[in-house]
Amino acid sequence: MQARADRTRRLILQAAAERFEARGYVGTHLSDIVRGRGISKGALYFHFPSKEALATAILEEQLGLVPSLADELRDRRRSAIQVLVDLSLRTTEMLRDDVAIRAGTRLACEFDRIGTPAPPLLPTWTDAVEDLLTEAREQGDLLPDVEVRSVAEVIVATVGVAGRKPSRPVEGWTVDHNRRIRAMWRHMFPGLVTPVCAAKLTPGLAPPGPPL
C-alpha cells in the first residue's frame, strides 16, 4: 500500500515539474497536472493540498542537490577550485537532463509568487559554492581581491541559465551546455585564481570559437 502511494506521489511530482518548468508557477493549474496522467484529483489532494504545497515539495527535493554533490566531489579532489569546476559541469548536465531540477530553479526565481515562504534553493546552492571558494582561498588558489559571495552568486546564476532548455529553437543560441560553462571559466580564471592554480585545472577549457 505504501509503495503504491509513493509511486503516485512521484508521478504527481514528475507531472507537476513538467508543467512548472514549461509554464511557471502562475501559468500552471492543478487540473493541467492530472489531465491525461491517470491521476485522480482525490489522489492529488491527498498528497498535496494546494499548488503551493506542490511547488514547495519540488523546491525541497532540490535543496540539497548542490551541497551533496559538492561533498561527493570533495572526496575525489584536493583542489577546491577543481571541485567547483567539476560541480558546475555536473550541475549543468543535471539541469539539462532532469526536468524536476529545471522546474526547481524556475520556481526559485518565482518564489515571490508562491504564497507560503519558499525553501531557499538558490541561496543554499550559493552557500555551497561560497564554501568552496573560501576553501580555495585557504589553499592559496584565489587572487587576493576576490569577493567570494559575489563570485558565488555569478556562478550559480550562470549555471542555472546555461543548463536550461529553450522551449523552442532560438536562432543564434546553441544548446551546448558544457561548452558554455567551460567558456565561463576561461574568462573568469584570470581574475579569480592564480596562474599556477589555473594551469593545474581539468577538464580543459573551451578553445576559442564563435561567441556564446
N, C-alpha and C. Protein backbone atom coordinates (compact mmCIF):
# COMPACT_ATOMS: atom_id res chain seq x y z
N MET A 1 0.83 -1.21 0.00
CA MET A 1 0.00 0.00 0.00
C MET A 1 0.87 1.26 0.00
N GLN A 2 1.90 1.25 0.87
CA GLN A 2 2.78 2.40 0.95
C GLN A 2 3.56 2.59 -0.34
N ALA A 3 3.98 1.47 -0.94
CA ALA A 3 4.73 1.55 -2.20
C ALA A 3 3.88 2.18 -3.29
N ARG A 4 2.60 1.83 -3.33
CA ARG A 4 1.70 2.41 -4.33
C ARG A 4 1.53 3.91 -4.09
N ALA A 5 1.39 4.30 -2.83
CA ALA A 5 1.26 5.72 -2.51
C ALA A 5 2.52 6.49 -2.90
N ASP A 6 3.67 5.87 -2.68
CA ASP A 6 4.94 6.52 -3.05
C ASP A 6 5.04 6.69 -4.56
N ARG A 7 4.62 5.68 -5.31
CA ARG A 7 4.65 5.77 -6.77
C ARG A 7 3.73 6.88 -7.27
N THR A 8 2.55 6.97 -6.66
CA THR A 8 1.61 8.02 -7.05
C THR A 8 2.19 9.40 -6.75
N ARG A 9 2.80 9.53 -5.60
CA ARG A 9 3.41 10.82 -5.24
C ARG A 9 4.50 11.20 -6.24
N ARG A 10 5.34 10.23 -6.62
CA ARG A 10 6.41 10.51 -7.58
C ARG A 10 5.83 10.89 -8.94
N LEU A 11 4.75 10.22 -9.33
CA LEU A 11 4.11 10.53 -10.61
C LEU A 11 3.55 11.95 -10.61
N ILE A 12 2.95 12.33 -9.49
CA ILE A 12 2.42 13.70 -9.38
C ILE A 12 3.55 14.72 -9.45
N LEU A 13 4.63 14.47 -8.73
CA LEU A 13 5.76 15.41 -8.74
C LEU A 13 6.37 15.54 -10.13
N GLN A 14 6.47 14.42 -10.85
CA GLN A 14 7.03 14.47 -12.20
C GLN A 14 6.13 15.27 -13.13
N ALA A 15 4.82 15.00 -13.06
CA ALA A 15 3.87 15.73 -13.90
C ALA A 15 3.89 17.22 -13.56
N ALA A 16 3.95 17.53 -12.28
CA ALA A 16 3.97 18.94 -11.85
C ALA A 16 5.25 19.62 -12.31
N ALA A 17 6.38 18.92 -12.22
CA ALA A 17 7.65 19.51 -12.64
C ALA A 17 7.61 19.88 -14.12
N GLU A 18 7.03 19.02 -14.94
CA GLU A 18 6.95 19.31 -16.37
C GLU A 18 6.12 20.56 -16.63
N ARG A 19 5.02 20.72 -15.88
CA ARG A 19 4.17 21.89 -16.08
C ARG A 19 4.82 23.16 -15.53
N PHE A 20 5.39 23.07 -14.34
CA PHE A 20 6.03 24.24 -13.75
C PHE A 20 7.22 24.69 -14.61
N GLU A 21 7.98 23.74 -15.13
CA GLU A 21 9.14 24.10 -15.94
C GLU A 21 8.71 24.78 -17.22
N ALA A 22 7.60 24.33 -17.80
CA ALA A 22 7.14 24.88 -19.07
C ALA A 22 6.36 26.18 -18.90
N ARG A 23 5.55 26.28 -17.84
CA ARG A 23 4.62 27.40 -17.72
C ARG A 23 4.83 28.28 -16.50
N GLY A 24 5.72 27.87 -15.60
CA GLY A 24 5.92 28.66 -14.40
C GLY A 24 4.83 28.42 -13.37
N TYR A 25 4.97 29.07 -12.22
CA TYR A 25 4.03 28.85 -11.13
C TYR A 25 2.64 29.39 -11.47
N VAL A 26 2.58 30.62 -11.92
CA VAL A 26 1.28 31.25 -12.18
C VAL A 26 0.57 30.56 -13.34
N GLY A 27 1.31 30.14 -14.36
CA GLY A 27 0.69 29.55 -15.54
C GLY A 27 0.30 28.09 -15.40
N THR A 28 0.58 27.49 -14.25
CA THR A 28 0.25 26.08 -14.02
C THR A 28 -1.00 25.96 -13.16
N HIS A 29 -1.90 25.08 -13.59
CA HIS A 29 -3.12 24.80 -12.82
C HIS A 29 -3.13 23.33 -12.43
N LEU A 30 -3.68 23.04 -11.27
CA LEU A 30 -3.70 21.66 -10.80
C LEU A 30 -4.42 20.74 -11.77
N SER A 31 -5.43 21.24 -12.44
CA SER A 31 -6.16 20.40 -13.41
C SER A 31 -5.26 19.99 -14.57
N ASP A 32 -4.29 20.87 -14.94
CA ASP A 32 -3.35 20.53 -16.01
C ASP A 32 -2.44 19.38 -15.60
N ILE A 33 -2.10 19.32 -14.33
CA ILE A 33 -1.15 18.33 -13.84
C ILE A 33 -1.73 16.92 -13.90
N VAL A 34 -3.00 16.78 -13.57
CA VAL A 34 -3.60 15.44 -13.53
C VAL A 34 -4.15 15.01 -14.88
N ARG A 35 -4.38 15.95 -15.78
CA ARG A 35 -5.02 15.61 -17.06
C ARG A 35 -4.15 14.66 -17.87
N GLY A 36 -4.73 13.54 -18.27
CA GLY A 36 -4.04 12.58 -19.12
C GLY A 36 -2.95 11.79 -18.43
N ARG A 37 -2.90 11.83 -17.11
CA ARG A 37 -1.84 11.14 -16.38
C ARG A 37 -2.34 9.94 -15.60
N GLY A 38 -3.65 9.72 -15.61
CA GLY A 38 -4.19 8.63 -14.82
C GLY A 38 -4.14 8.91 -13.33
N ILE A 39 -4.13 10.19 -12.98
CA ILE A 39 -4.10 10.59 -11.57
C ILE A 39 -5.44 11.23 -11.24
N SER A 40 -6.08 10.76 -10.20
CA SER A 40 -7.35 11.36 -9.81
C SER A 40 -7.09 12.63 -9.00
N LYS A 41 -8.07 13.53 -9.00
CA LYS A 41 -7.94 14.74 -8.19
C LYS A 41 -7.87 14.39 -6.71
N GLY A 42 -8.57 13.31 -6.33
CA GLY A 42 -8.52 12.87 -4.94
C GLY A 42 -7.11 12.48 -4.52
N ALA A 43 -6.41 11.75 -5.41
CA ALA A 43 -5.03 11.35 -5.11
C ALA A 43 -4.12 12.57 -5.03
N LEU A 44 -4.34 13.51 -5.95
CA LEU A 44 -3.53 14.73 -5.93
C LEU A 44 -3.69 15.47 -4.61
N TYR A 45 -4.94 15.69 -4.19
CA TYR A 45 -5.17 16.46 -2.97
C TYR A 45 -4.80 15.68 -1.71
N PHE A 46 -4.77 14.36 -1.81
CA PHE A 46 -4.32 13.56 -0.67
C PHE A 46 -2.84 13.83 -0.37
N HIS A 47 -2.04 13.93 -1.44
CA HIS A 47 -0.61 14.13 -1.27
C HIS A 47 -0.24 15.62 -1.16
N PHE A 48 -0.96 16.45 -1.91
CA PHE A 48 -0.62 17.88 -1.95
C PHE A 48 -1.92 18.69 -1.91
N PRO A 49 -2.21 19.32 -0.78
CA PRO A 49 -3.49 20.01 -0.63
C PRO A 49 -3.62 21.29 -1.46
N SER A 50 -2.52 21.77 -2.03
CA SER A 50 -2.58 23.02 -2.79
C SER A 50 -1.43 23.07 -3.79
N LYS A 51 -1.52 24.02 -4.71
CA LYS A 51 -0.42 24.23 -5.66
C LYS A 51 0.83 24.71 -4.92
N GLU A 52 0.63 25.50 -3.89
CA GLU A 52 1.77 25.96 -3.08
C GLU A 52 2.52 24.78 -2.48
N ALA A 53 1.78 23.82 -1.94
CA ALA A 53 2.41 22.65 -1.33
C ALA A 53 3.19 21.84 -2.36
N LEU A 54 2.65 21.75 -3.56
CA LEU A 54 3.30 21.00 -4.63
C LEU A 54 4.59 21.69 -5.07
N ALA A 55 4.54 23.01 -5.25
CA ALA A 55 5.74 23.76 -5.63
C ALA A 55 6.80 23.68 -4.53
N THR A 56 6.37 23.77 -3.29
CA THR A 56 7.30 23.69 -2.17
C THR A 56 7.99 22.33 -2.12
N ALA A 57 7.24 21.26 -2.39
CA ALA A 57 7.82 19.92 -2.38
C ALA A 57 8.90 19.78 -3.45
N ILE A 58 8.67 20.34 -4.63
CA ILE A 58 9.67 20.28 -5.70
C ILE A 58 10.92 21.05 -5.30
N LEU A 59 10.75 22.22 -4.71
CA LEU A 59 11.89 23.01 -4.25
C LEU A 59 12.67 22.28 -3.16
N GLU A 60 11.95 21.66 -2.22
CA GLU A 60 12.61 20.96 -1.12
C GLU A 60 13.45 19.79 -1.63
N GLU A 61 12.98 19.12 -2.68
CA GLU A 61 13.72 17.99 -3.22
C GLU A 61 15.05 18.42 -3.83
N GLN A 62 15.12 19.65 -4.34
CA GLN A 62 16.34 20.13 -5.00
C GLN A 62 17.27 20.86 -4.03
N LEU A 63 16.80 21.10 -2.82
CA LEU A 63 17.53 21.96 -1.88
C LEU A 63 18.95 21.45 -1.62
N GLY A 64 19.09 20.16 -1.41
CA GLY A 64 20.40 19.62 -1.06
C GLY A 64 21.23 19.15 -2.23
N LEU A 65 20.76 19.38 -3.46
CA LEU A 65 21.44 18.84 -4.64
C LEU A 65 22.89 19.31 -4.74
N VAL A 66 23.11 20.61 -4.78
CA VAL A 66 24.46 21.14 -4.97
C VAL A 66 25.35 20.87 -3.75
N PRO A 67 24.87 21.10 -2.51
CA PRO A 67 25.73 20.77 -1.36
C PRO A 67 26.15 19.30 -1.31
N SER A 68 25.22 18.38 -1.59
CA SER A 68 25.57 16.96 -1.52
C SER A 68 26.50 16.56 -2.66
N LEU A 69 26.29 17.14 -3.83
CA LEU A 69 27.18 16.86 -4.95
C LEU A 69 28.58 17.41 -4.68
N ALA A 70 28.66 18.58 -4.06
CA ALA A 70 29.96 19.15 -3.69
C ALA A 70 30.69 18.24 -2.72
N ASP A 71 29.96 17.69 -1.74
CA ASP A 71 30.59 16.78 -0.78
C ASP A 71 31.10 15.52 -1.47
N GLU A 72 30.32 15.01 -2.42
CA GLU A 72 30.74 13.82 -3.17
C GLU A 72 32.02 14.09 -3.96
N LEU A 73 32.09 15.25 -4.60
CA LEU A 73 33.26 15.58 -5.41
C LEU A 73 34.48 15.88 -4.54
N ARG A 74 34.26 16.39 -3.34
CA ARG A 74 35.38 16.66 -2.42
C ARG A 74 36.15 15.39 -2.10
N ASP A 75 35.47 14.26 -2.11
CA ASP A 75 36.13 13.00 -1.79
C ASP A 75 37.11 12.58 -2.88
N ARG A 76 37.01 13.18 -4.06
CA ARG A 76 37.84 12.77 -5.19
C ARG A 76 38.91 13.80 -5.55
N ARG A 77 38.75 15.01 -5.08
CA ARG A 77 39.64 16.10 -5.48
C ARG A 77 40.22 16.79 -4.24
N ARG A 78 41.46 17.26 -4.37
CA ARG A 78 42.05 18.04 -3.29
C ARG A 78 41.83 19.53 -3.48
N SER A 79 41.81 19.97 -4.72
CA SER A 79 41.67 21.39 -5.01
C SER A 79 40.20 21.80 -4.97
N ALA A 80 39.89 22.79 -4.13
CA ALA A 80 38.51 23.27 -4.03
C ALA A 80 38.05 23.90 -5.34
N ILE A 81 38.95 24.57 -6.04
CA ILE A 81 38.58 25.16 -7.33
C ILE A 81 38.26 24.07 -8.34
N GLN A 82 39.03 22.99 -8.33
CA GLN A 82 38.72 21.89 -9.25
C GLN A 82 37.36 21.27 -8.92
N VAL A 83 37.07 21.14 -7.63
CA VAL A 83 35.75 20.65 -7.22
C VAL A 83 34.67 21.58 -7.77
N LEU A 84 34.92 22.88 -7.70
CA LEU A 84 33.93 23.85 -8.16
C LEU A 84 33.72 23.76 -9.68
N VAL A 85 34.80 23.59 -10.43
CA VAL A 85 34.68 23.42 -11.88
C VAL A 85 33.87 22.16 -12.19
N ASP A 86 34.23 21.05 -11.53
CA ASP A 86 33.50 19.80 -11.75
C ASP A 86 32.04 19.94 -11.35
N LEU A 87 31.80 20.63 -10.23
CA LEU A 87 30.44 20.83 -9.74
C LEU A 87 29.60 21.61 -10.75
N SER A 88 30.18 22.64 -11.33
CA SER A 88 29.43 23.45 -12.30
C SER A 88 29.07 22.62 -13.53
N LEU A 89 29.99 21.78 -13.99
CA LEU A 89 29.72 20.95 -15.16
C LEU A 89 28.67 19.88 -14.86
N ARG A 90 28.79 19.24 -13.70
CA ARG A 90 27.83 18.20 -13.32
C ARG A 90 26.44 18.79 -13.12
N THR A 91 26.37 19.94 -12.46
CA THR A 91 25.07 20.56 -12.21
C THR A 91 24.41 20.98 -13.52
N THR A 92 25.21 21.49 -14.45
CA THR A 92 24.67 21.88 -15.75
C THR A 92 24.11 20.67 -16.49
N GLU A 93 24.82 19.55 -16.43
CA GLU A 93 24.33 18.32 -17.07
C GLU A 93 23.02 17.86 -16.43
N MET A 94 22.94 17.96 -15.10
CA MET A 94 21.72 17.53 -14.41
C MET A 94 20.55 18.45 -14.74
N LEU A 95 20.82 19.74 -14.84
CA LEU A 95 19.77 20.67 -15.25
C LEU A 95 19.29 20.35 -16.66
N ARG A 96 20.21 20.01 -17.52
CA ARG A 96 19.86 19.68 -18.91
C ARG A 96 18.97 18.44 -18.98
N ASP A 97 19.27 17.45 -18.13
CA ASP A 97 18.65 16.14 -18.26
C ASP A 97 17.45 15.91 -17.34
N ASP A 98 17.28 16.72 -16.31
CA ASP A 98 16.26 16.45 -15.28
C ASP A 98 15.27 17.60 -15.20
N VAL A 99 14.05 17.34 -15.64
CA VAL A 99 13.04 18.40 -15.66
C VAL A 99 12.70 18.87 -14.25
N ALA A 100 12.80 18.00 -13.26
CA ALA A 100 12.47 18.40 -11.89
C ALA A 100 13.45 19.45 -11.38
N ILE A 101 14.72 19.32 -11.74
CA ILE A 101 15.71 20.31 -11.31
C ILE A 101 15.47 21.63 -12.03
N ARG A 102 15.16 21.56 -13.33
CA ARG A 102 14.86 22.80 -14.06
C ARG A 102 13.62 23.47 -13.49
N ALA A 103 12.62 22.67 -13.14
CA ALA A 103 11.41 23.24 -12.53
C ALA A 103 11.75 23.91 -11.21
N GLY A 104 12.63 23.28 -10.44
CA GLY A 104 13.03 23.86 -9.16
C GLY A 104 13.69 25.21 -9.32
N THR A 105 14.59 25.33 -10.31
CA THR A 105 15.27 26.61 -10.50
C THR A 105 14.29 27.68 -10.99
N ARG A 106 13.33 27.28 -11.83
CA ARG A 106 12.34 28.28 -12.27
C ARG A 106 11.46 28.72 -11.11
N LEU A 107 11.02 27.77 -10.30
CA LEU A 107 10.20 28.12 -9.14
C LEU A 107 10.98 28.98 -8.16
N ALA A 108 12.27 28.71 -8.02
CA ALA A 108 13.09 29.51 -7.11
C ALA A 108 13.15 30.96 -7.55
N CYS A 109 13.10 31.18 -8.86
CA CYS A 109 13.11 32.56 -9.38
C CYS A 109 11.73 33.21 -9.29
N GLU A 110 10.70 32.41 -9.01
CA GLU A 110 9.33 32.94 -8.90
C GLU A 110 8.82 32.82 -7.47
N PHE A 111 9.77 32.74 -6.51
CA PHE A 111 9.39 32.47 -5.12
C PHE A 111 8.41 33.49 -4.57
N ASP A 112 8.48 34.73 -5.07
CA ASP A 112 7.60 35.77 -4.54
C ASP A 112 6.15 35.56 -4.95
N ARG A 113 5.91 34.66 -5.91
CA ARG A 113 4.54 34.39 -6.34
C ARG A 113 3.92 33.21 -5.60
N ILE A 114 4.73 32.49 -4.83
CA ILE A 114 4.24 31.36 -4.06
C ILE A 114 3.81 31.90 -2.70
N GLY A 115 2.58 31.58 -2.30
CA GLY A 115 2.02 32.18 -1.10
C GLY A 115 2.80 31.89 0.17
N THR A 116 3.23 30.65 0.36
CA THR A 116 3.97 30.29 1.56
C THR A 116 5.45 30.58 1.35
N PRO A 117 6.21 30.78 2.42
CA PRO A 117 7.66 31.00 2.26
C PRO A 117 8.31 29.82 1.53
N ALA A 118 9.01 30.11 0.45
CA ALA A 118 9.60 29.05 -0.36
C ALA A 118 10.94 28.62 0.22
N PRO A 119 11.29 27.33 0.10
CA PRO A 119 12.63 26.90 0.53
C PRO A 119 13.70 27.69 -0.21
N PRO A 120 14.77 28.09 0.46
CA PRO A 120 15.78 28.97 -0.15
C PRO A 120 16.73 28.21 -1.07
N LEU A 121 16.23 27.79 -2.22
CA LEU A 121 17.01 26.94 -3.11
C LEU A 121 18.28 27.64 -3.59
N LEU A 122 18.14 28.78 -4.25
CA LEU A 122 19.32 29.45 -4.82
C LEU A 122 20.28 29.95 -3.74
N PRO A 123 19.79 30.51 -2.62
CA PRO A 123 20.74 30.87 -1.55
C PRO A 123 21.50 29.66 -0.99
N THR A 124 20.83 28.51 -0.88
CA THR A 124 21.51 27.31 -0.38
C THR A 124 22.58 26.85 -1.35
N TRP A 125 22.27 26.85 -2.64
CA TRP A 125 23.28 26.50 -3.64
C TRP A 125 24.43 27.49 -3.61
N THR A 126 24.11 28.78 -3.45
CA THR A 126 25.15 29.81 -3.41
C THR A 126 26.04 29.63 -2.19
N ASP A 127 25.46 29.25 -1.06
CA ASP A 127 26.26 28.99 0.14
C ASP A 127 27.29 27.88 -0.12
N ALA A 128 26.87 26.82 -0.83
CA ALA A 128 27.78 25.71 -1.11
C ALA A 128 28.93 26.15 -1.99
N VAL A 129 28.64 26.99 -2.99
CA VAL A 129 29.69 27.50 -3.87
C VAL A 129 30.61 28.44 -3.10
N GLU A 130 30.04 29.27 -2.24
CA GLU A 130 30.85 30.19 -1.43
C GLU A 130 31.80 29.40 -0.52
N ASP A 131 31.32 28.30 0.04
CA ASP A 131 32.18 27.46 0.89
C ASP A 131 33.39 26.96 0.11
N LEU A 132 33.17 26.54 -1.13
CA LEU A 132 34.28 26.05 -1.95
C LEU A 132 35.27 27.17 -2.27
N LEU A 133 34.75 28.35 -2.57
CA LEU A 133 35.64 29.48 -2.84
C LEU A 133 36.44 29.86 -1.60
N THR A 134 35.81 29.77 -0.44
CA THR A 134 36.53 30.05 0.81
C THR A 134 37.64 29.02 1.04
N GLU A 135 37.34 27.75 0.75
CA GLU A 135 38.38 26.72 0.84
C GLU A 135 39.52 27.01 -0.12
N ALA A 136 39.17 27.45 -1.33
CA ALA A 136 40.19 27.76 -2.33
C ALA A 136 41.08 28.90 -1.84
N ARG A 137 40.48 29.86 -1.18
CA ARG A 137 41.29 30.96 -0.61
C ARG A 137 42.25 30.43 0.44
N GLU A 138 41.77 29.53 1.29
CA GLU A 138 42.63 28.95 2.32
C GLU A 138 43.74 28.11 1.71
N GLN A 139 43.49 27.54 0.53
CA GLN A 139 44.51 26.75 -0.17
C GLN A 139 45.49 27.62 -0.95
N GLY A 140 45.25 28.94 -0.96
CA GLY A 140 46.15 29.86 -1.65
C GLY A 140 45.92 29.96 -3.14
N ASP A 141 44.74 29.51 -3.61
CA ASP A 141 44.49 29.49 -5.05
C ASP A 141 43.74 30.72 -5.56
N LEU A 142 43.08 31.47 -4.68
CA LEU A 142 42.33 32.65 -5.12
C LEU A 142 43.22 33.88 -5.13
N LEU A 143 42.94 34.79 -6.05
CA LEU A 143 43.60 36.09 -6.03
C LEU A 143 43.09 36.88 -4.83
N PRO A 144 43.90 37.79 -4.29
CA PRO A 144 43.58 38.41 -3.00
C PRO A 144 42.33 39.29 -2.98
N ASP A 145 41.94 39.88 -4.11
CA ASP A 145 40.83 40.83 -4.09
C ASP A 145 39.49 40.21 -4.49
N VAL A 146 39.41 38.89 -4.55
CA VAL A 146 38.17 38.21 -4.95
C VAL A 146 37.13 38.32 -3.84
N GLU A 147 35.92 38.75 -4.19
CA GLU A 147 34.80 38.79 -3.25
C GLU A 147 34.00 37.49 -3.43
N VAL A 148 34.17 36.57 -2.50
CA VAL A 148 33.68 35.21 -2.72
C VAL A 148 32.16 35.14 -2.85
N ARG A 149 31.42 35.93 -2.09
CA ARG A 149 29.95 35.86 -2.19
C ARG A 149 29.47 36.34 -3.55
N SER A 150 30.05 37.43 -4.02
CA SER A 150 29.64 37.95 -5.33
C SER A 150 29.95 36.95 -6.44
N VAL A 151 31.14 36.34 -6.37
CA VAL A 151 31.51 35.35 -7.38
C VAL A 151 30.59 34.13 -7.30
N ALA A 152 30.27 33.70 -6.09
CA ALA A 152 29.37 32.56 -5.92
C ALA A 152 28.01 32.83 -6.55
N GLU A 153 27.49 34.03 -6.37
CA GLU A 153 26.19 34.38 -6.96
C GLU A 153 26.26 34.37 -8.49
N VAL A 154 27.36 34.87 -9.05
CA VAL A 154 27.52 34.87 -10.51
C VAL A 154 27.57 33.44 -11.05
N ILE A 155 28.30 32.56 -10.36
CA ILE A 155 28.43 31.18 -10.82
C ILE A 155 27.08 30.47 -10.79
N VAL A 156 26.34 30.61 -9.69
CA VAL A 156 25.04 29.95 -9.59
C VAL A 156 24.08 30.47 -10.65
N ALA A 157 24.07 31.78 -10.86
CA ALA A 157 23.19 32.36 -11.87
C ALA A 157 23.55 31.87 -13.27
N THR A 158 24.85 31.80 -13.57
CA THR A 158 25.28 31.39 -14.90
C THR A 158 24.98 29.92 -15.16
N VAL A 159 25.27 29.08 -14.18
CA VAL A 159 24.99 27.64 -14.33
C VAL A 159 23.50 27.41 -14.49
N GLY A 160 22.68 28.15 -13.73
CA GLY A 160 21.24 27.99 -13.83
C GLY A 160 20.70 28.32 -15.21
N VAL A 161 21.26 29.34 -15.85
CA VAL A 161 20.82 29.71 -17.20
C VAL A 161 21.39 28.74 -18.23
N ALA A 162 22.67 28.39 -18.07
CA ALA A 162 23.33 27.53 -19.07
C ALA A 162 22.69 26.16 -19.15
N GLY A 163 22.14 25.68 -18.03
CA GLY A 163 21.57 24.34 -18.01
C GLY A 163 20.13 24.26 -18.47
N ARG A 164 19.50 25.39 -18.71
CA ARG A 164 18.09 25.37 -19.10
C ARG A 164 17.94 25.08 -20.58
N LYS A 165 16.81 24.51 -20.93
CA LYS A 165 16.48 24.22 -22.32
C LYS A 165 15.48 25.25 -22.82
N PRO A 166 15.75 25.91 -23.96
CA PRO A 166 14.72 26.77 -24.54
C PRO A 166 13.49 25.94 -24.90
N SER A 167 12.32 26.51 -24.75
CA SER A 167 11.09 25.77 -25.07
C SER A 167 10.98 25.50 -26.56
N ARG A 168 11.68 26.29 -27.38
CA ARG A 168 11.73 26.05 -28.82
C ARG A 168 13.06 26.58 -29.33
N PRO A 169 13.51 26.14 -30.51
CA PRO A 169 14.80 26.60 -31.03
C PRO A 169 14.87 28.12 -31.12
N VAL A 170 16.02 28.66 -30.73
CA VAL A 170 16.25 30.10 -30.78
C VAL A 170 17.41 30.36 -31.71
N GLU A 171 17.20 31.19 -32.71
CA GLU A 171 18.25 31.48 -33.68
C GLU A 171 19.47 32.10 -32.99
N GLY A 172 20.64 31.55 -33.28
CA GLY A 172 21.87 32.07 -32.70
C GLY A 172 22.17 31.57 -31.31
N TRP A 173 21.36 30.65 -30.79
CA TRP A 173 21.54 30.14 -29.42
C TRP A 173 21.77 28.64 -29.49
N THR A 174 23.02 28.22 -29.34
CA THR A 174 23.35 26.80 -29.43
C THR A 174 23.19 26.15 -28.06
N VAL A 175 22.66 24.94 -28.06
CA VAL A 175 22.45 24.23 -26.80
C VAL A 175 23.64 23.31 -26.56
N ASP A 176 24.76 23.91 -26.17
CA ASP A 176 25.97 23.17 -25.84
C ASP A 176 26.37 23.61 -24.43
N HIS A 177 25.76 22.96 -23.45
CA HIS A 177 25.83 23.44 -22.08
C HIS A 177 27.26 23.44 -21.52
N ASN A 178 27.96 22.32 -21.70
CA ASN A 178 29.30 22.23 -21.14
C ASN A 178 30.25 23.24 -21.78
N ARG A 179 30.07 23.49 -23.05
CA ARG A 179 30.93 24.47 -23.72
C ARG A 179 30.74 25.86 -23.12
N ARG A 180 29.50 26.20 -22.80
CA ARG A 180 29.24 27.50 -22.18
C ARG A 180 29.93 27.61 -20.82
N ILE A 181 29.83 26.54 -20.03
CA ILE A 181 30.43 26.59 -18.70
C ILE A 181 31.94 26.64 -18.78
N ARG A 182 32.54 25.89 -19.70
CA ARG A 182 33.99 25.97 -19.86
C ARG A 182 34.41 27.36 -20.32
N ALA A 183 33.61 27.95 -21.19
CA ALA A 183 33.91 29.32 -21.63
C ALA A 183 33.81 30.30 -20.46
N MET A 184 32.82 30.09 -19.59
CA MET A 184 32.70 30.94 -18.40
C MET A 184 33.97 30.89 -17.57
N TRP A 185 34.46 29.67 -17.33
CA TRP A 185 35.67 29.54 -16.53
C TRP A 185 36.87 30.14 -17.23
N ARG A 186 36.96 29.95 -18.54
CA ARG A 186 38.10 30.51 -19.28
C ARG A 186 38.18 32.02 -19.10
N HIS A 187 37.02 32.67 -19.07
CA HIS A 187 37.01 34.13 -18.92
C HIS A 187 37.13 34.57 -17.46
N MET A 188 36.71 33.71 -16.53
CA MET A 188 36.76 34.09 -15.11
C MET A 188 38.12 33.86 -14.48
N PHE A 189 38.83 32.83 -14.92
CA PHE A 189 40.06 32.44 -14.23
C PHE A 189 41.09 33.56 -14.09
N PRO A 190 41.33 34.38 -15.12
CA PRO A 190 42.37 35.42 -14.95
C PRO A 190 42.10 36.38 -13.78
N GLY A 191 40.84 36.60 -13.45
CA GLY A 191 40.52 37.49 -12.34
C GLY A 191 40.14 36.77 -11.07
N LEU A 192 40.25 35.43 -11.08
CA LEU A 192 39.78 34.64 -9.95
C LEU A 192 40.89 33.85 -9.26
N VAL A 193 41.69 33.12 -10.04
CA VAL A 193 42.68 32.22 -9.44
C VAL A 193 44.09 32.58 -9.90
N THR A 194 45.06 32.07 -9.17
CA THR A 194 46.46 32.30 -9.53
C THR A 194 46.80 31.54 -10.80
N PRO A 195 47.79 32.00 -11.57
CA PRO A 195 48.19 31.28 -12.78
C PRO A 195 48.61 29.84 -12.49
N VAL A 196 49.26 29.61 -11.37
CA VAL A 196 49.69 28.25 -11.01
C VAL A 196 48.48 27.34 -10.84
N CYS A 197 47.44 27.84 -10.17
CA CYS A 197 46.22 27.07 -9.98
C CYS A 197 45.54 26.80 -11.31
N ALA A 198 45.40 27.82 -12.15
CA ALA A 198 44.71 27.67 -13.43
C ALA A 198 45.37 26.62 -14.31
N ALA A 199 46.70 26.54 -14.25
CA ALA A 199 47.43 25.61 -15.10
C ALA A 199 47.18 24.15 -14.71
N LYS A 200 46.74 23.92 -13.47
CA LYS A 200 46.55 22.54 -12.99
C LYS A 200 45.13 22.03 -13.17
N LEU A 201 44.21 22.89 -13.57
CA LEU A 201 42.80 22.51 -13.57
C LEU A 201 42.42 21.68 -14.79
N THR A 202 41.49 20.76 -14.59
CA THR A 202 40.87 19.97 -15.66
C THR A 202 39.37 19.97 -15.41
N PRO A 203 38.52 19.73 -16.40
CA PRO A 203 38.84 19.47 -17.79
C PRO A 203 39.32 20.73 -18.49
N GLY A 204 39.89 20.54 -19.69
CA GLY A 204 40.40 21.68 -20.44
C GLY A 204 39.31 22.69 -20.72
N LEU A 205 39.69 23.94 -20.77
CA LEU A 205 38.73 24.99 -21.03
C LEU A 205 38.38 25.03 -22.51
N ALA A 206 37.26 25.67 -22.80
CA ALA A 206 36.79 25.72 -24.19
C ALA A 206 37.80 26.46 -25.06
N PRO A 207 38.13 25.91 -26.23
CA PRO A 207 39.02 26.63 -27.14
C PRO A 207 38.33 27.85 -27.71
N PRO A 208 39.11 28.81 -28.23
CA PRO A 208 38.48 29.98 -28.83
C PRO A 208 37.51 29.56 -29.92
N GLY A 209 36.40 30.24 -30.01
CA GLY A 209 35.40 29.89 -31.01
C GLY A 209 34.43 31.04 -31.18
N PRO A 210 33.31 30.81 -31.86
CA PRO A 210 32.33 31.87 -32.05
C PRO A 210 31.73 32.30 -30.72
N PRO A 211 31.24 33.52 -30.62
CA PRO A 211 30.65 33.99 -29.37
C PRO A 211 29.53 33.08 -28.90
N LEU A 212 29.44 32.91 -27.56
CA LEU A 212 28.40 32.04 -26.99
C LEU A 212 27.16 32.85 -26.66
